[in-house]
Amino acid sequence: MNNLFVVFLFLIHLACTTPSVNSSPDQISNEIKVSNSNGIDSIPGHVQKLMACYTSVVGFSNNFLLFEDGSSLRYDDQKVKTELELLNDPDIEDMFNYDYRSWKNEVIPTYYDPGRIRVDSFFMKIYGTTKSQVQKKLVKVNWCPKLVNQGILVTSVNNVHLKIDSISRELDNMPHLKEYLQNIGGTFNWRQISGTKRMSMHSFGMTVDINTKFSNYWQWDCHCKNEEAMLLYQNRIPLEIVSVFEKYGFIWGGNWYHYDTMHFEYRPELL
């Protein structure tokens, strides 16, 4: 194998195995430019992240994402979309429409939901196209054995179960956070998102909802399912918990305009 290509593969592997909330598409693009100068074909920066983070994604050709089973998905449909169209009819490129960031005390712009734009068929190729296929890859993790000692089911795909275990071990040493960590609200649950025809990411066993007692969800607070409703952001989850999840490649639903503060989802390509 060409030595330059080996170096190239190492760079994209490193970008995903050491996720950081400070990484940016510009940084990835710089790596690609270096590679291109050595004769390696151009691949969009976001595709580079997907290839680095998901072992099922093996290539890119003629505007199509290529998968290890020989199938493909269109990357960019070249359509200009409204906010609702981005949610209900996205392509792969649309999933990167909003940069993931922590807002802290800032007001989140209307519709700014990094991670809520999802292509169901993409995640089905990664984790399984049916409930039974996903279930075959689920493993049990003992969540915070000292503080909580609750068994939860998560996928073993891309070693998500090992990442959840690492998160659990870190949070288990933070007894002041126990009330937020006990009574896990949910992990695997094959279903559609309430009020939509879109698959919930819980269907793939790569999400964790922590204690619903301290959680805020936009549909609960507005008593509606209208994506166009004007929302008043609310959150009671300590950012200390959020930082631990983000360290291992999980985004937080509390960073969305359509907030879901109990929700953590394995999406390392966005960090």
C-alpha atoms as a PDB file:
ATOM      1  CA  MET A   1       0.000   0.000   0.000  1.00  0.00           C
ATOM      2  CA  ASN A   2       1.214   3.506  -0.878  1.00  0.00           C
ATOM      3  CA  ASN A   3       2.896   5.067   2.191  1.00  0.00           C
ATOM      4  CA  LEU A   4       1.147   8.396   1.609  1.00  0.00           C
ATOM      5  CA  PHE A   5      -2.239   6.695   1.644  1.00  0.00           C
ATOM      6  CA  VAL A   6      -1.365   4.944   4.920  1.00  0.00           C
ATOM      7  CA  VAL A   7      -0.578   8.342   6.467  1.00  0.00           C
ATOM      8  CA  PHE A   8      -3.872   9.677   5.104  1.00  0.00           C
ATOM      9  CA  LEU A   9      -5.870   6.856   6.728  1.00  0.00           C
ATOM     10  CA  PHE A  10      -4.087   7.452  10.008  1.00  0.00           C
ATOM     11  CA  LEU A  11      -5.045  11.141   9.962  1.00  0.00           C
ATOM     12  CA  ILE A  12      -8.762  10.516   9.533  1.00  0.00           C
ATOM     13  CA  HIS A  13      -8.671   7.715  12.128  1.00  0.00           C
ATOM     14  CA  LEU A  14      -7.044  10.088  14.610  1.00  0.00           C
ATOM     15  CA  ALA A  15      -9.675  12.747  13.938  1.00  0.00           C
ATOM     16  CA  CYS A  16     -12.427  10.423  15.135  1.00  0.00           C
ATOM     17  CA  THR A  17     -10.761   8.438  17.907  1.00  0.00           C
ATOM     18  CA  THR A  18      -9.891  11.639  19.740  1.00  0.00           C
ATOM     19  CA  PRO A  19     -13.137  13.634  19.333  1.00  0.00           C
ATOM     20  CA  SER A  20     -13.158  17.251  20.438  1.00  0.00           C
ATOM     21  CA  VAL A  21     -15.912  19.836  20.594  1.00  0.00           C
ATOM     22  CA  ASN A  22     -13.316  22.273  19.232  1.00  0.00           C
ATOM     23  CA  SER A  23     -12.732  20.423  15.954  1.00  0.00           C
ATOM     24  CA  SER A  24     -14.056  22.127  12.837  1.00  0.00           C
ATOM     25  CA  PRO A  25     -14.654  21.378   9.144  1.00  0.00           C
ATOM     26  CA  ASP A  26     -11.869  23.878   8.332  1.00  0.00           C
ATOM     27  CA  GLN A  27      -9.345  21.778  10.247  1.00  0.00           C
ATOM     28  CA  ILE A  28     -10.439  18.654   8.388  1.00  0.00           C
ATOM     29  CA  SER A  29     -10.285  20.500   5.058  1.00  0.00           C
ATOM     30  CA  ASN A  30      -6.669  21.428   5.761  1.00  0.00           C
ATOM     31  CA  GLU A  31      -5.828  17.741   6.143  1.00  0.00           C
ATOM     32  CA  ILE A  32      -7.562  16.992   2.849  1.00  0.00           C
ATOM     33  CA  LYS A  33      -5.653  19.742   1.061  1.00  0.00           C
ATOM     34  CA  VAL A  34      -2.378  18.243   2.253  1.00  0.00           C
ATOM     35  CA  SER A  35      -3.492  14.838   1.010  1.00  0.00           C
ATOM     36  CA  ASN A  36      -4.605  16.229  -2.329  1.00  0.00           C
ATOM     37  CA  SER A  37      -1.201  17.780  -2.905  1.00  0.00           C
ATOM     38  CA  ASN A  38       0.154  14.224  -2.827  1.00  0.00           C
ATOM     39  CA  GLY A  39      -2.265  12.942  -5.455  1.00  0.00           C
ATOM     40  CA  ILE A  40      -5.061  11.528  -3.274  1.00  0.00           C
ATOM     41  CA  ASP A  41      -8.574  12.067  -4.687  1.00  0.00           C
ATOM     42  CA  SER A  42     -10.624  14.871  -3.163  1.00  0.00           C
ATOM     43  CA  ILE A  43     -13.314  13.789  -0.703  1.00  0.00           C
ATOM     44  CA  PRO A  44     -15.615  16.297   1.058  1.00  0.00           C
ATOM     45  CA  GLY A  45     -14.524  17.072   4.601  1.00  0.00           C
ATOM     46  CA  HIS A  46     -17.782  15.869   6.109  1.00  0.00           C
ATOM     47  CA  VAL A  47     -17.458  12.562   4.279  1.00  0.00           C
ATOM     48  CA  GLN A  48     -13.952  12.229   5.701  1.00  0.00           C
ATOM     49  CA  LYS A  49     -15.449  12.469   9.177  1.00  0.00           C
ATOM     50  CA  LEU A  50     -18.066   9.830   8.413  1.00  0.00           C
ATOM     51  CA  MET A  51     -15.413   7.473   7.038  1.00  0.00           C
ATOM     52  CA  ALA A  52     -13.283   7.991  10.122  1.00  0.00           C
ATOM     53  CA  CYS A  53     -16.105   7.532  12.623  1.00  0.00           C
ATOM     54  CA  TYR A  54     -18.158   4.698  11.122  1.00  0.00           C
ATOM     55  CA  THR A  55     -16.468   1.520   9.953  1.00  0.00           C
ATOM     56  CA  SER A  56     -19.372   0.738   7.591  1.00  0.00           C
ATOM     57  CA  VAL A  57     -18.598   3.830   5.501  1.00  0.00           C
ATOM     58  CA  VAL A  58     -15.765   2.827   3.192  1.00  0.00           C
ATOM     59  CA  GLY A  59     -15.613   5.365   0.372  1.00  0.00           C
ATOM     60  CA  PHE A  60     -17.024   8.151  -1.757  1.00  0.00           C
ATOM     61  CA  SER A  61     -17.561   8.289  -5.515  1.00  0.00           C
ATOM     62  CA  ASN A  62     -19.578  10.470  -7.902  1.00  0.00           C
ATOM     63  CA  ASN A  63     -21.532  12.157  -5.093  1.00  0.00           C
ATOM     64  CA  PHE A  64     -22.364   8.848  -3.389  1.00  0.00           C
ATOM     65  CA  LEU A  65     -21.338   7.579   0.024  1.00  0.00           C
ATOM     66  CA  LEU A  66     -20.160   3.957  -0.279  1.00  0.00           C
ATOM     67  CA  PHE A  67     -20.769   1.254   2.333  1.00  0.00           C
ATOM     68  CA  GLU A  68     -18.970  -1.995   3.074  1.00  0.00           C
ATOM     69  CA  ASP A  69     -21.963  -4.072   1.923  1.00  0.00           C
ATOM     70  CA  GLY A  70     -21.630  -2.585  -1.580  1.00  0.00           C
ATOM     71  CA  SER A  71     -24.594  -0.228  -1.258  1.00  0.00           C
ATOM     72  CA  SER A  72     -24.523   3.562  -1.544  1.00  0.00           C
ATOM     73  CA  LEU A  73     -26.404   6.729  -0.570  1.00  0.00           C
ATOM     74  CA  ARG A  74     -26.486  10.053  -2.385  1.00  0.00           C
ATOM     75  CA  TYR A  75     -24.435  12.658  -0.524  1.00  0.00           C
ATOM     76  CA  ASP A  76     -25.854  15.930  -1.883  1.00  0.00           C
ATOM     77  CA  ASP A  77     -29.197  16.239  -3.697  1.00  0.00           C
ATOM     78  CA  GLN A  78     -28.425  19.878  -4.605  1.00  0.00           C
ATOM     79  CA  LYS A  79     -31.783  21.071  -3.233  1.00  0.00           C
ATOM     80  CA  VAL A  80     -32.353  24.283  -1.280  1.00  0.00           C
ATOM     81  CA  LYS A  81     -34.590  23.400   1.668  1.00  0.00           C
ATOM     82  CA  THR A  82     -36.633  25.050   4.366  1.00  0.00           C
ATOM     83  CA  GLU A  83     -36.020  24.168   8.007  1.00  0.00           C
ATOM     84  CA  LEU A  84     -38.879  21.646   7.946  1.00  0.00           C
ATOM     85  CA  GLU A  85     -37.669  20.115   4.695  1.00  0.00           C
ATOM     86  CA  LEU A  86     -34.236  19.652   6.237  1.00  0.00           C
ATOM     87  CA  LEU A  87     -35.848  17.588   8.993  1.00  0.00           C
ATOM     88  CA  ASN A  88     -38.240  15.584   6.830  1.00  0.00           C
ATOM     89  CA  ASP A  89     -36.313  15.118   3.571  1.00  0.00           C
ATOM     90  CA  PRO A  90     -32.581  15.473   4.266  1.00  0.00           C
ATOM     91  CA  ASP A  91     -29.568  14.200   2.369  1.00  0.00           C
ATOM     92  CA  ILE A  92     -26.248  13.246   3.961  1.00  0.00           C
ATOM     93  CA  GLU A  93     -24.790  16.726   3.514  1.00  0.00           C
ATOM     94  CA  ASP A  94     -27.800  18.268   5.285  1.00  0.00           C
ATOM     95  CA  MET A  95     -26.875  16.436   8.493  1.00  0.00           C
ATOM     96  CA  PHE A  96     -23.985  18.898   8.811  1.00  0.00           C
ATOM     97  CA  ASN A  97     -26.162  21.968   8.200  1.00  0.00           C
ATOM     98  CA  TYR A  98     -25.635  23.305  11.733  1.00  0.00           C
ATOM     99  CA  ASP A  99     -22.275  23.285  13.509  1.00  0.00           C
ATOM    100  CA  TYR A 100     -22.478  21.656  16.913  1.00  0.00           C
ATOM    101  CA  ARG A 101     -21.584  24.055  19.709  1.00  0.00           C
ATOM    102  CA  SER A 102     -22.241  24.712  23.382  1.00  0.00           C
ATOM    103  CA  TRP A 103     -24.478  27.736  23.940  1.00  0.00           C
ATOM    104  CA  LYS A 104     -24.180  28.027  27.738  1.00  0.00           C
ATOM    105  CA  ASN A 105     -26.027  31.237  28.590  1.00  0.00           C
ATOM    106  CA  GLU A 106     -26.554  32.341  24.993  1.00  0.00           C
ATOM    107  CA  VAL A 107     -29.922  32.227  23.259  1.00  0.00           C
ATOM    108  CA  ILE A 108     -30.053  29.386  20.737  1.00  0.00           C
ATOM    109  CA  PRO A 109     -31.166  30.670  17.308  1.00  0.00           C
ATOM    110  CA  THR A 110     -34.555  29.478  16.049  1.00  0.00           C
ATOM    111  CA  TYR A 111     -34.352  26.039  14.377  1.00  0.00           C
ATOM    112  CA  TYR A 112     -30.645  25.659  15.262  1.00  0.00           C
ATOM    113  CA  ASP A 113     -30.608  21.893  15.939  1.00  0.00           C
ATOM    114  CA  PRO A 114     -27.195  20.312  15.207  1.00  0.00           C
ATOM    115  CA  GLY A 115     -27.809  16.578  15.079  1.00  0.00           C
ATOM    116  CA  ARG A 116     -31.610  16.579  14.683  1.00  0.00           C
ATOM    117  CA  ILE A 117     -31.283  16.488  10.889  1.00  0.00           C
ATOM    118  CA  ARG A 118     -30.802  12.774  10.248  1.00  0.00           C
ATOM    119  CA  VAL A 119     -31.003  10.443   7.264  1.00  0.00           C
ATOM    120  CA  ASP A 120     -32.726   7.326   8.605  1.00  0.00           C
ATOM    121  CA  SER A 121     -31.326   5.095   5.858  1.00  0.00           C
ATOM    122  CA  PHE A 122     -27.778   6.112   6.805  1.00  0.00           C
ATOM    123  CA  PHE A 123     -28.179   4.984  10.409  1.00  0.00           C
ATOM    124  CA  MET A 124     -29.941   1.809   9.326  1.00  0.00           C
ATOM    125  CA  LYS A 125     -26.875   0.900   7.274  1.00  0.00           C
ATOM    126  CA  ILE A 126     -24.682   1.495  10.328  1.00  0.00           C
ATOM    127  CA  TYR A 127     -26.734  -0.169  13.065  1.00  0.00           C
ATOM    128  CA  GLY A 128     -29.371  -2.355  11.389  1.00  0.00           C
ATOM    129  CA  THR A 129     -32.411  -1.976   9.159  1.00  0.00           C
ATOM    130  CA  THR A 130     -34.836  -3.791  11.462  1.00  0.00           C
ATOM    131  CA  LYS A 131     -35.478  -4.050  15.177  1.00  0.00           C
ATOM    132  CA  SER A 132     -34.168  -7.608  15.270  1.00  0.00           C
ATOM    133  CA  GLN A 133     -30.958  -6.690  13.431  1.00  0.00           C
ATOM    134  CA  VAL A 134     -30.247  -3.935  15.944  1.00  0.00           C
ATOM    135  CA  GLN A 135     -31.104  -6.181  18.881  1.00  0.00           C
ATOM    136  CA  LYS A 136     -28.498  -8.752  17.822  1.00  0.00           C
ATOM    137  CA  LYS A 137     -25.794  -6.120  18.361  1.00  0.00           C
ATOM    138  CA  LEU A 138     -26.971  -4.891  21.767  1.00  0.00           C
ATOM    139  CA  VAL A 139     -24.913  -5.538  24.892  1.00  0.00           C
ATOM    140  CA  LYS A 140     -25.591  -4.816  28.546  1.00  0.00           C
ATOM    141  CA  VAL A 141     -23.577  -2.126  30.319  1.00  0.00           C
ATOM    142  CA  ASN A 142     -23.686  -1.671  34.082  1.00  0.00           C
ATOM    143  CA  TRP A 143     -24.405   2.043  34.396  1.00  0.00           C
ATOM    144  CA  CYS A 144     -22.566   3.770  37.286  1.00  0.00           C
ATOM    145  CA  PRO A 145     -22.155   0.595  39.371  1.00  0.00           C
ATOM    146  CA  LYS A 146     -21.355   2.442  42.632  1.00  0.00           C
ATOM    147  CA  LEU A 147     -23.930   5.225  42.415  1.00  0.00           C
ATOM    148  CA  VAL A 148     -26.749   3.632  40.404  1.00  0.00           C
ATOM    149  CA  ASN A 149     -25.985   0.020  39.412  1.00  0.00           C
ATOM    150  CA  GLN A 150     -28.490  -0.094  36.552  1.00  0.00           C
ATOM    151  CA  GLY A 151     -28.151  -2.368  33.531  1.00  0.00           C
ATOM    152  CA  ILE A 152     -28.739  -0.647  30.186  1.00  0.00           C
ATOM    153  CA  LEU A 153     -28.722  -2.039  26.623  1.00  0.00           C
ATOM    154  CA  VAL A 154     -26.580  -0.258  24.021  1.00  0.00           C
ATOM    155  CA  THR A 155     -25.139  -1.203  20.652  1.00  0.00           C
ATOM    156  CA  SER A 156     -21.688  -2.710  20.257  1.00  0.00           C
ATOM    157  CA  VAL A 157     -21.352  -1.193  16.765  1.00  0.00           C
ATOM    158  CA  ASN A 158     -18.346   1.150  16.574  1.00  0.00           C
ATOM    159  CA  ASN A 159     -17.646   0.193  20.215  1.00  0.00           C
ATOM    160  CA  VAL A 160     -20.426   2.457  21.463  1.00  0.00           C
ATOM    161  CA  HIS A 161     -20.846   0.132  24.455  1.00  0.00           C
ATOM    162  CA  LEU A 162     -17.217   0.708  25.457  1.00  0.00           C
ATOM    163  CA  LYS A 163     -17.674   4.463  25.196  1.00  0.00           C
ATOM    164  CA  ILE A 164     -20.806   4.299  27.357  1.00  0.00           C
ATOM    165  CA  ASP A 165     -18.863   2.209  29.872  1.00  0.00           C
ATOM    166  CA  SER A 166     -16.099   4.845  29.972  1.00  0.00           C
ATOM    167  CA  ILE A 167     -18.675   7.595  30.514  1.00  0.00           C
ATOM    168  CA  SER A 168     -20.267   5.525  33.264  1.00  0.00           C
ATOM    169  CA  ARG A 169     -16.932   5.045  35.034  1.00  0.00           C
ATOM    170  CA  GLU A 170     -16.169   8.768  35.019  1.00  0.00           C
ATOM    171  CA  LEU A 171     -19.606   9.813  36.215  1.00  0.00           C
ATOM    172  CA  ASP A 172     -19.536   7.088  38.888  1.00  0.00           C
ATOM    173  CA  ASN A 173     -16.838   9.137  40.627  1.00  0.00           C
ATOM    174  CA  MET A 174     -19.083  12.224  40.815  1.00  0.00           C
ATOM    175  CA  PRO A 175     -21.501  11.452  43.666  1.00  0.00           C
ATOM    176  CA  HIS A 176     -22.804  15.029  43.682  1.00  0.00           C
ATOM    177  CA  LEU A 177     -24.470  14.225  40.329  1.00  0.00           C
ATOM    178  CA  LYS A 178     -26.191  11.022  41.448  1.00  0.00           C
ATOM    179  CA  GLU A 179     -29.757  12.347  41.310  1.00  0.00           C
ATOM    180  CA  TYR A 180     -29.330  13.151  37.605  1.00  0.00           C
ATOM    181  CA  LEU A 181     -27.724   9.805  36.758  1.00  0.00           C
ATOM    182  CA  GLN A 182     -30.144   7.383  38.406  1.00  0.00           C
ATOM    183  CA  ASN A 183     -33.328   6.050  36.827  1.00  0.00           C
ATOM    184  CA  ILE A 184     -32.001   6.150  33.256  1.00  0.00           C
ATOM    185  CA  GLY A 185     -34.899   7.238  31.049  1.00  0.00           C
ATOM    186  CA  GLY A 186     -34.086   5.013  28.101  1.00  0.00           C
ATOM    187  CA  THR A 187     -31.562   3.581  25.662  1.00  0.00           C
ATOM    188  CA  PHE A 188     -32.739   1.095  22.990  1.00  0.00           C
ATOM    189  CA  ASN A 189     -36.349   1.555  21.837  1.00  0.00           C
ATOM    190  CA  TRP A 190     -37.286   0.861  18.203  1.00  0.00           C
ATOM    191  CA  ARG A 191     -39.819   3.584  17.356  1.00  0.00           C
ATOM    192  CA  GLN A 192     -40.545   6.782  15.483  1.00  0.00           C
ATOM    193  CA  ILE A 193     -40.169  10.232  17.052  1.00  0.00           C
ATOM    194  CA  SER A 194     -43.481  11.304  18.545  1.00  0.00           C
ATOM    195  CA  GLY A 195     -45.532  13.335  16.079  1.00  0.00           C
ATOM    196  CA  THR A 196     -43.320  12.473  13.077  1.00  0.00           C
ATOM    197  CA  LYS A 197     -42.494   9.716  10.601  1.00  0.00           C
ATOM    198  CA  ARG A 198     -38.782  10.002  11.439  1.00  0.00           C
ATOM    199  CA  MET A 199     -36.945   7.241  13.272  1.00  0.00           C
ATOM    200  CA  SER A 200     -35.870   7.929  16.826  1.00  0.00           C
ATOM    201  CA  MET A 201     -32.151   7.403  17.350  1.00  0.00           C
ATOM    202  CA  HIS A 202     -33.128   5.233  20.301  1.00  0.00           C
ATOM    203  CA  SER A 203     -34.021   2.683  17.640  1.00  0.00           C
ATOM    204  CA  PHE A 204     -30.311   2.058  17.093  1.00  0.00           C
ATOM    205  CA  GLY A 205     -29.125   1.670  20.686  1.00  0.00           C
ATOM    206  CA  MET A 206     -26.669   4.558  20.491  1.00  0.00           C
ATOM    207  CA  THR A 207     -28.459   7.063  22.711  1.00  0.00           C
ATOM    208  CA  VAL A 208     -28.940   7.553  26.435  1.00  0.00           C
ATOM    209  CA  ASP A 209     -31.718   9.503  28.130  1.00  0.00           C
ATOM    210  CA  ILE A 210     -30.776  10.303  31.717  1.00  0.00           C
ATOM    211  CA  ASN A 211     -33.203  10.887  34.593  1.00  0.00           C
ATOM    212  CA  THR A 212     -36.416  12.326  33.132  1.00  0.00           C
ATOM    213  CA  LYS A 213     -37.270  13.873  36.517  1.00  0.00           C
ATOM    214  CA  PHE A 214     -34.699  16.615  35.839  1.00  0.00           C
ATOM    215  CA  SER A 215     -35.183  16.822  32.091  1.00  0.00           C
ATOM    216  CA  ASN A 216     -36.858  19.337  29.822  1.00  0.00           C
ATOM    217  CA  TYR A 217     -38.187  18.441  26.383  1.00  0.00           C
ATOM    218  CA  TRP A 218     -39.640  21.019  24.040  1.00  0.00           C
ATOM    219  CA  GLN A 219     -42.799  19.019  23.326  1.00  0.00           C
ATOM    220  CA  TRP A 220     -43.483  18.608  27.040  1.00  0.00           C
ATOM    221  CA  ASP A 221     -42.949  22.283  27.785  1.00  0.00           C
ATOM    222  CA  CYS A 222     -44.958  23.734  24.891  1.00  0.00           C
ATOM    223  CA  HIS A 223     -47.613  20.984  25.149  1.00  0.00           C
ATOM    224  CA  CYS A 224     -47.410  20.645  21.392  1.00  0.00           C
ATOM    225  CA  LYS A 225     -45.683  18.810  18.551  1.00  0.00           C
ATOM    226  CA  ASN A 226     -45.476  21.779  16.212  1.00  0.00           C
ATOM    227  CA  GLU A 227     -41.913  22.145  14.901  1.00  0.00           C
ATOM    228  CA  GLU A 228     -42.649  25.801  14.119  1.00  0.00           C
ATOM    229  CA  ALA A 229     -43.716  26.698  17.657  1.00  0.00           C
ATOM    230  CA  MET A 230     -41.829  29.496  19.399  1.00  0.00           C
ATOM    231  CA  LEU A 231     -39.988  27.914  22.311  1.00  0.00           C
ATOM    232  CA  LEU A 232     -38.655  29.181  25.624  1.00  0.00           C
ATOM    233  CA  TYR A 233     -35.484  27.216  26.389  1.00  0.00           C
ATOM    234  CA  GLN A 234     -35.284  25.403  29.720  1.00  0.00           C
ATOM    235  CA  ASN A 235     -32.583  23.173  31.228  1.00  0.00           C
ATOM    236  CA  ARG A 236     -31.762  21.629  34.620  1.00  0.00           C
ATOM    237  CA  ILE A 237     -28.986  19.209  33.575  1.00  0.00           C
ATOM    238  CA  PRO A 238     -25.502  20.182  34.866  1.00  0.00           C
ATOM    239  CA  LEU A 239     -23.025  20.953  32.082  1.00  0.00           C
ATOM    240  CA  GLU A 240     -20.497  18.822  33.972  1.00  0.00           C
ATOM    241  CA  ILE A 241     -22.414  15.762  32.762  1.00  0.00           C
ATOM    242  CA  VAL A 242     -22.581  17.122  29.230  1.00  0.00           C
ATOM    243  CA  SER A 243     -18.795  17.554  29.082  1.00  0.00           C
ATOM    244  CA  VAL A 244     -18.191  13.904  29.965  1.00  0.00           C
ATOM    245  CA  PHE A 245     -20.541  12.653  27.251  1.00  0.00           C
ATOM    246  CA  GLU A 246     -19.059  14.991  24.636  1.00  0.00           C
ATOM    247  CA  LYS A 247     -15.573  13.750  25.501  1.00  0.00           C
ATOM    248  CA  TYR A 248     -16.559  10.315  24.152  1.00  0.00           C
ATOM    249  CA  GLY A 249     -18.351  11.431  20.993  1.00  0.00           C
ATOM    250  CA  PHE A 250     -21.902  12.091  22.214  1.00  0.00           C
ATOM    251  CA  ILE A 251     -23.834  15.235  21.361  1.00  0.00           C
ATOM    252  CA  TRP A 252     -26.357  16.729  23.790  1.00  0.00           C
ATOM    253  CA  GLY A 253     -29.964  17.535  22.949  1.00  0.00           C
ATOM    254  CA  GLY A 254     -29.742  20.518  25.272  1.00  0.00           C
ATOM    255  CA  ASN A 255     -27.731  22.298  22.574  1.00  0.00           C
ATOM    256  CA  TRP A 256     -30.764  22.358  20.279  1.00  0.00           C
ATOM    257  CA  TYR A 257     -33.428  25.023  19.834  1.00  0.00           C
ATOM    258  CA  HIS A 258     -35.879  22.103  19.983  1.00  0.00           C
ATOM    259  CA  TYR A 259     -34.238  21.082  23.232  1.00  0.00           C
ATOM    260  CA  ASP A 260     -34.189  17.579  24.689  1.00  0.00           C
ATOM    261  CA  THR A 261     -31.996  17.952  27.757  1.00  0.00           C
ATOM    262  CA  MET A 262     -32.060  14.315  28.879  1.00  0.00           C
ATOM    263  CA  HIS A 263     -30.817  13.137  25.481  1.00  0.00           C
ATOM    264  CA  PHE A 264     -27.257  12.123  24.562  1.00  0.00           C
ATOM    265  CA  GLU A 265     -26.563  10.633  21.131  1.00  0.00           C
ATOM    266  CA  TYR A 266     -23.415   9.092  19.632  1.00  0.00           C
ATOM    267  CA  ARG A 267     -22.558  11.435  16.769  1.00  0.00           C
ATOM    268  CA  PRO A 268     -18.757  11.869  16.793  1.00  0.00           C
ATOM    269  CA  GLU A 269     -18.754  13.250  13.243  1.00  0.00           C
ATOM    270  CA  LEU A 270     -20.367  16.435  14.586  1.00  0.00           C
ATOM    271  CA  LEU A 271     -17.854  17.095  17.358  1.00  0.00           C
END
